[in-house]
Amino acid sequence: MSYKIDYIEFPSREFAGTRRFFAEAFGWTYTEYGPEYVAIDSAGIDAGIDGSSGRVPATMAIVRTDDLEAAFLAVTAAGGEILRNPYDFPGGRRFHFREPGGNELAVWVAV
């Protein structure tokens, strides 16, 4: 099974401001996924900006896998604390967890 970080998610309390800043500072462009989420198209790694009220509190690395259920079991067996059970989103399914050092991450699978 493969586990690779392939997405970074930036939470924002000021969605329009974060979006404007990245566009002006770095020339990044976006794909719209609703009024509170955009994917960043030109950052060198797939990324997004989350302005929703349910956003995570800090920048989060997202790990891609080909078997979400096996990843869920591996994370819990290694001592990860599940913060959000598996759920669907456009293009995939994912769950969130906290590793023992306190970092929140997500694991996702494409559907």
N, C-alpha and C. Protein backbone atom coordinates (compact mmCIF):
# COMPACT_ATOMS: atom_id res chain seq x y z
N MET A 1 0.84 -1.18 0.00
CA MET A 1 0.00 0.00 0.00
C MET A 1 0.89 1.24 0.00
N SER A 2 0.44 2.24 -0.68
CA SER A 2 1.19 3.49 -0.81
C SER A 2 0.55 4.57 0.05
N TYR A 3 1.38 5.33 0.75
CA TYR A 3 0.94 6.49 1.53
C TYR A 3 1.85 7.65 1.15
N LYS A 4 1.29 8.67 0.49
CA LYS A 4 2.09 9.82 0.08
C LYS A 4 1.34 11.11 0.36
N ILE A 5 2.05 12.08 0.94
CA ILE A 5 1.45 13.40 1.09
C ILE A 5 1.30 13.99 -0.30
N ASP A 6 0.07 14.33 -0.66
CA ASP A 6 -0.13 14.89 -1.99
C ASP A 6 -1.05 16.11 -2.01
N TYR A 7 -1.38 16.64 -0.82
CA TYR A 7 -2.28 17.78 -0.77
C TYR A 7 -2.03 18.53 0.53
N ILE A 8 -2.07 19.84 0.46
CA ILE A 8 -1.95 20.70 1.65
C ILE A 8 -3.20 21.56 1.69
N GLU A 9 -3.80 21.66 2.88
CA GLU A 9 -5.01 22.47 3.02
C GLU A 9 -4.74 23.62 3.99
N PHE A 10 -5.02 24.82 3.51
CA PHE A 10 -4.85 26.03 4.32
C PHE A 10 -6.19 26.48 4.87
N PRO A 11 -6.37 26.48 6.19
CA PRO A 11 -7.60 27.03 6.75
C PRO A 11 -7.51 28.55 6.74
N SER A 12 -8.64 29.21 6.63
CA SER A 12 -8.62 30.68 6.62
C SER A 12 -9.82 31.25 7.35
N ARG A 13 -9.54 32.17 8.28
CA ARG A 13 -10.61 32.92 8.95
C ARG A 13 -11.07 34.07 8.06
N GLU A 14 -10.26 34.42 7.04
CA GLU A 14 -10.57 35.49 6.10
C GLU A 14 -10.36 34.95 4.69
N PHE A 15 -11.33 34.15 4.24
CA PHE A 15 -11.23 33.41 2.98
C PHE A 15 -10.86 34.31 1.80
N ALA A 16 -11.58 35.39 1.62
CA ALA A 16 -11.31 36.29 0.49
C ALA A 16 -9.91 36.89 0.59
N GLY A 17 -9.49 37.23 1.80
CA GLY A 17 -8.17 37.82 1.99
C GLY A 17 -7.05 36.84 1.71
N THR A 18 -7.20 35.59 2.17
CA THR A 18 -6.18 34.57 1.91
C THR A 18 -6.09 34.30 0.42
N ARG A 19 -7.22 34.18 -0.20
CA ARG A 19 -7.27 33.91 -1.64
C ARG A 19 -6.61 35.05 -2.43
N ARG A 20 -6.94 36.28 -2.09
CA ARG A 20 -6.35 37.44 -2.75
C ARG A 20 -4.85 37.48 -2.52
N PHE A 21 -4.42 37.25 -1.28
CA PHE A 21 -3.00 37.30 -0.94
C PHE A 21 -2.19 36.31 -1.79
N PHE A 22 -2.60 35.06 -1.81
CA PHE A 22 -1.86 34.05 -2.58
C PHE A 22 -1.83 34.39 -4.07
N ALA A 23 -2.93 34.91 -4.59
CA ALA A 23 -2.98 35.28 -6.01
C ALA A 23 -2.02 36.44 -6.29
N GLU A 24 -2.04 37.46 -5.43
CA GLU A 24 -1.19 38.62 -5.65
C GLU A 24 0.28 38.33 -5.36
N ALA A 25 0.55 37.62 -4.28
CA ALA A 25 1.94 37.37 -3.89
C ALA A 25 2.61 36.33 -4.78
N PHE A 26 1.88 35.28 -5.16
CA PHE A 26 2.50 34.15 -5.86
C PHE A 26 1.92 33.87 -7.24
N GLY A 27 0.85 34.57 -7.61
CA GLY A 27 0.24 34.35 -8.91
C GLY A 27 -0.57 33.06 -9.01
N TRP A 28 -0.95 32.50 -7.87
CA TRP A 28 -1.69 31.24 -7.87
C TRP A 28 -3.10 31.45 -8.41
N THR A 29 -3.61 30.44 -9.10
CA THR A 29 -4.96 30.45 -9.64
C THR A 29 -5.77 29.36 -8.95
N TYR A 30 -7.09 29.40 -9.14
CA TYR A 30 -7.98 28.56 -8.34
C TYR A 30 -9.04 27.85 -9.18
N THR A 31 -9.54 26.73 -8.62
CA THR A 31 -10.74 26.07 -9.09
C THR A 31 -11.75 26.16 -7.96
N GLU A 32 -12.94 26.63 -8.28
CA GLU A 32 -13.99 26.84 -7.28
C GLU A 32 -14.67 25.52 -6.89
N TYR A 33 -14.85 25.32 -5.60
CA TYR A 33 -15.63 24.18 -5.10
C TYR A 33 -16.65 24.68 -4.08
N GLY A 34 -17.30 25.76 -4.38
CA GLY A 34 -18.30 26.33 -3.51
C GLY A 34 -17.83 27.66 -2.95
N PRO A 35 -18.67 28.30 -2.16
CA PRO A 35 -18.37 29.65 -1.67
C PRO A 35 -17.27 29.71 -0.60
N GLU A 36 -16.91 28.56 -0.02
CA GLU A 36 -15.93 28.57 1.08
C GLU A 36 -14.74 27.66 0.83
N TYR A 37 -14.56 27.18 -0.42
CA TYR A 37 -13.43 26.29 -0.70
C TYR A 37 -12.97 26.46 -2.13
N VAL A 38 -11.66 26.60 -2.31
CA VAL A 38 -11.05 26.60 -3.63
C VAL A 38 -9.84 25.68 -3.61
N ALA A 39 -9.60 25.04 -4.75
CA ALA A 39 -8.36 24.29 -4.95
C ALA A 39 -7.37 25.26 -5.58
N ILE A 40 -6.12 25.17 -5.16
CA ILE A 40 -5.06 25.99 -5.74
C ILE A 40 -4.46 25.20 -6.89
N ASP A 41 -4.47 25.79 -8.08
CA ASP A 41 -4.07 25.07 -9.28
C ASP A 41 -2.58 25.16 -9.60
N SER A 42 -1.88 26.13 -9.08
CA SER A 42 -0.53 26.41 -9.58
C SER A 42 0.50 26.60 -8.48
N ALA A 43 0.38 25.85 -7.39
CA ALA A 43 1.28 26.03 -6.25
C ALA A 43 2.46 25.06 -6.24
N GLY A 44 2.52 24.14 -7.19
CA GLY A 44 3.60 23.16 -7.22
C GLY A 44 3.25 21.87 -6.52
N ILE A 45 2.26 21.89 -5.67
CA ILE A 45 1.66 20.72 -5.04
C ILE A 45 0.17 21.02 -4.99
N ASP A 46 -0.65 20.00 -5.09
CA ASP A 46 -2.08 20.24 -4.99
C ASP A 46 -2.39 20.79 -3.60
N ALA A 47 -3.24 21.80 -3.56
CA ALA A 47 -3.55 22.46 -2.29
C ALA A 47 -4.93 23.10 -2.38
N GLY A 48 -5.42 23.54 -1.23
CA GLY A 48 -6.70 24.22 -1.19
C GLY A 48 -6.76 25.21 -0.06
N ILE A 49 -7.76 26.08 -0.14
CA ILE A 49 -8.05 27.04 0.93
C ILE A 49 -9.45 26.74 1.42
N ASP A 50 -9.58 26.53 2.73
CA ASP A 50 -10.87 26.20 3.35
C ASP A 50 -11.31 27.35 4.24
N GLY A 51 -12.39 28.01 3.86
CA GLY A 51 -12.93 29.11 4.65
C GLY A 51 -14.18 28.73 5.41
N SER A 52 -14.51 27.45 5.47
CA SER A 52 -15.74 27.02 6.13
C SER A 52 -15.63 27.12 7.64
N SER A 53 -16.77 27.13 8.30
CA SER A 53 -16.77 27.18 9.76
C SER A 53 -16.22 25.89 10.37
N GLY A 54 -16.24 24.79 9.63
CA GLY A 54 -15.73 23.51 10.13
C GLY A 54 -14.27 23.25 9.79
N ARG A 55 -13.56 24.28 9.32
CA ARG A 55 -12.16 24.09 8.91
C ARG A 55 -11.28 23.67 10.08
N VAL A 56 -10.17 23.02 9.75
CA VAL A 56 -9.21 22.64 10.77
C VAL A 56 -8.49 23.91 11.26
N PRO A 57 -7.90 23.88 12.45
CA PRO A 57 -7.30 25.10 13.00
C PRO A 57 -5.92 25.45 12.44
N ALA A 58 -5.25 24.53 11.77
CA ALA A 58 -3.90 24.80 11.27
C ALA A 58 -3.73 24.14 9.90
N THR A 59 -2.72 24.58 9.16
CA THR A 59 -2.42 23.97 7.87
C THR A 59 -2.28 22.46 8.05
N MET A 60 -2.87 21.71 7.13
CA MET A 60 -2.95 20.26 7.29
C MET A 60 -2.41 19.55 6.05
N ALA A 61 -1.52 18.59 6.27
CA ALA A 61 -1.06 17.70 5.21
C ALA A 61 -2.09 16.59 5.03
N ILE A 62 -2.31 16.21 3.77
CA ILE A 62 -3.28 15.16 3.47
C ILE A 62 -2.55 14.05 2.71
N VAL A 63 -2.69 12.84 3.22
CA VAL A 63 -2.01 11.66 2.69
C VAL A 63 -2.96 10.90 1.78
N ARG A 64 -2.48 10.53 0.60
CA ARG A 64 -3.30 9.75 -0.33
C ARG A 64 -2.98 8.27 -0.17
N THR A 65 -4.02 7.45 -0.26
CA THR A 65 -3.88 5.99 -0.19
C THR A 65 -4.77 5.35 -1.24
N ASP A 66 -4.62 4.05 -1.41
CA ASP A 66 -5.51 3.33 -2.32
C ASP A 66 -6.49 2.46 -1.56
N ASP A 67 -6.42 2.48 -0.21
CA ASP A 67 -7.33 1.68 0.61
C ASP A 67 -7.60 2.42 1.91
N LEU A 68 -8.70 3.17 1.94
CA LEU A 68 -9.01 4.02 3.09
C LEU A 68 -9.27 3.20 4.35
N GLU A 69 -9.96 2.08 4.22
CA GLU A 69 -10.27 1.27 5.40
C GLU A 69 -8.99 0.72 6.04
N ALA A 70 -8.05 0.24 5.21
CA ALA A 70 -6.78 -0.27 5.75
C ALA A 70 -5.99 0.86 6.40
N ALA A 71 -6.02 2.04 5.79
CA ALA A 71 -5.32 3.19 6.37
C ALA A 71 -5.93 3.57 7.72
N PHE A 72 -7.25 3.54 7.80
CA PHE A 72 -7.95 3.85 9.06
C PHE A 72 -7.49 2.89 10.16
N LEU A 73 -7.45 1.61 9.84
CA LEU A 73 -7.00 0.61 10.81
C LEU A 73 -5.54 0.81 11.19
N ALA A 74 -4.68 1.13 10.23
CA ALA A 74 -3.26 1.36 10.51
C ALA A 74 -3.06 2.57 11.40
N VAL A 75 -3.80 3.64 11.14
CA VAL A 75 -3.69 4.87 11.95
C VAL A 75 -4.13 4.60 13.38
N THR A 76 -5.26 3.94 13.55
CA THR A 76 -5.73 3.67 14.91
C THR A 76 -4.82 2.69 15.64
N ALA A 77 -4.31 1.68 14.95
CA ALA A 77 -3.40 0.72 15.58
C ALA A 77 -2.11 1.37 16.03
N ALA A 78 -1.68 2.42 15.31
CA ALA A 78 -0.44 3.11 15.66
C ALA A 78 -0.65 4.17 16.73
N GLY A 79 -1.89 4.35 17.19
CA GLY A 79 -2.17 5.31 18.26
C GLY A 79 -2.72 6.63 17.80
N GLY A 80 -3.14 6.72 16.53
CA GLY A 80 -3.75 7.96 16.06
C GLY A 80 -5.14 8.14 16.66
N GLU A 81 -5.47 9.38 16.98
CA GLU A 81 -6.79 9.72 17.53
C GLU A 81 -7.68 10.17 16.37
N ILE A 82 -8.75 9.46 16.11
CA ILE A 82 -9.65 9.82 15.01
C ILE A 82 -10.44 11.06 15.42
N LEU A 83 -10.35 12.10 14.59
CA LEU A 83 -11.05 13.35 14.85
C LEU A 83 -12.30 13.48 13.99
N ARG A 84 -12.27 12.85 12.82
CA ARG A 84 -13.42 12.88 11.92
C ARG A 84 -13.46 11.57 11.17
N ASN A 85 -14.51 10.81 11.36
CA ASN A 85 -14.66 9.52 10.69
C ASN A 85 -14.74 9.70 9.18
N PRO A 86 -14.52 8.63 8.41
CA PRO A 86 -14.55 8.74 6.95
C PRO A 86 -15.83 9.40 6.45
N TYR A 87 -15.64 10.32 5.48
CA TYR A 87 -16.77 11.02 4.87
C TYR A 87 -16.45 11.29 3.40
N ASP A 88 -17.50 11.50 2.62
CA ASP A 88 -17.37 11.78 1.20
C ASP A 88 -17.16 13.27 0.97
N PHE A 89 -16.42 13.59 -0.07
CA PHE A 89 -16.27 14.96 -0.56
C PHE A 89 -16.11 14.86 -2.07
N PRO A 90 -16.22 15.97 -2.81
CA PRO A 90 -16.12 15.88 -4.27
C PRO A 90 -14.79 15.25 -4.71
N GLY A 91 -14.88 14.08 -5.34
CA GLY A 91 -13.69 13.41 -5.86
C GLY A 91 -13.11 12.34 -4.97
N GLY A 92 -13.64 12.19 -3.74
CA GLY A 92 -13.04 11.18 -2.88
C GLY A 92 -13.74 10.98 -1.56
N ARG A 93 -12.99 10.36 -0.68
CA ARG A 93 -13.45 10.04 0.67
C ARG A 93 -12.25 10.18 1.58
N ARG A 94 -12.43 10.71 2.82
CA ARG A 94 -11.30 10.90 3.72
C ARG A 94 -11.70 10.85 5.17
N PHE A 95 -10.69 10.75 6.04
CA PHE A 95 -10.89 10.88 7.48
C PHE A 95 -9.76 11.74 8.04
N HIS A 96 -9.99 12.31 9.24
CA HIS A 96 -8.99 13.15 9.91
C HIS A 96 -8.54 12.46 11.19
N PHE A 97 -7.29 12.68 11.55
CA PHE A 97 -6.76 12.12 12.79
C PHE A 97 -5.68 13.02 13.37
N ARG A 98 -5.37 12.80 14.62
CA ARG A 98 -4.26 13.49 15.29
C ARG A 98 -3.22 12.46 15.65
N GLU A 99 -1.96 12.72 15.25
CA GLU A 99 -0.87 11.83 15.63
C GLU A 99 -0.41 12.19 17.04
N PRO A 100 0.37 11.33 17.72
CA PRO A 100 0.72 11.57 19.12
C PRO A 100 1.38 12.91 19.41
N GLY A 101 2.06 13.51 18.43
CA GLY A 101 2.70 14.81 18.64
C GLY A 101 1.76 15.99 18.53
N GLY A 102 0.48 15.73 18.17
CA GLY A 102 -0.52 16.79 18.14
C GLY A 102 -0.91 17.32 16.77
N ASN A 103 -0.24 16.87 15.70
CA ASN A 103 -0.58 17.35 14.37
C ASN A 103 -1.83 16.68 13.82
N GLU A 104 -2.71 17.48 13.25
CA GLU A 104 -3.88 16.92 12.58
C GLU A 104 -3.53 16.68 11.12
N LEU A 105 -3.86 15.50 10.63
CA LEU A 105 -3.67 15.12 9.23
C LEU A 105 -4.96 14.47 8.73
N ALA A 106 -5.01 14.26 7.44
CA ALA A 106 -6.12 13.52 6.85
C ALA A 106 -5.54 12.47 5.92
N VAL A 107 -6.32 11.42 5.68
CA VAL A 107 -5.98 10.41 4.70
C VAL A 107 -7.16 10.35 3.74
N TRP A 108 -6.86 10.29 2.43
CA TRP A 108 -7.94 10.27 1.45
C TRP A 108 -7.70 9.24 0.37
N VAL A 109 -8.81 8.86 -0.28
CA VAL A 109 -8.77 7.96 -1.43
C VAL A 109 -9.66 8.57 -2.51
N ALA A 110 -9.22 8.48 -3.75
CA ALA A 110 -10.03 8.96 -4.87
C ALA A 110 -11.14 7.96 -5.15
N VAL A 111 -12.29 8.46 -5.56
CA VAL A 111 -13.39 7.58 -5.95
C VAL A 111 -13.81 7.87 -7.37
